[in-house]
Amino acid sequence: MITCEQFMADFGDYFEGEVAADLRREMESHLSHCRTCQIVCDSTSKTVRIVTDSGSFYLRPEAAQPLIAQIMARIRGSLES
């Protein structure tokens, strides 16, 4: 089974549906047992849905990527603490 750190390292690709089938199975298995990662996944989904549905702003992909990287780094950092 993968660790929370491994899950978070690939979470962005998982969320975008861009991980290999075997890694997806491992990540989903981890999610079925890890409340912390379930919360991160659920919160991310809800946040994306709220922002997308609101249509309040648009972020160019080249502007969004550094922001996503910073958020994921903070999430990983909080898991390591």
Foldseek 3Di string as FASTA:
>chain_A
DDDPLVLLVCVVCVLVVNDDPVVVVVSVVVCVPDPLVVVVSVVVVVVVCVCVVVPPDDDDPVRVVVVVVVVSVVSSVVVVD
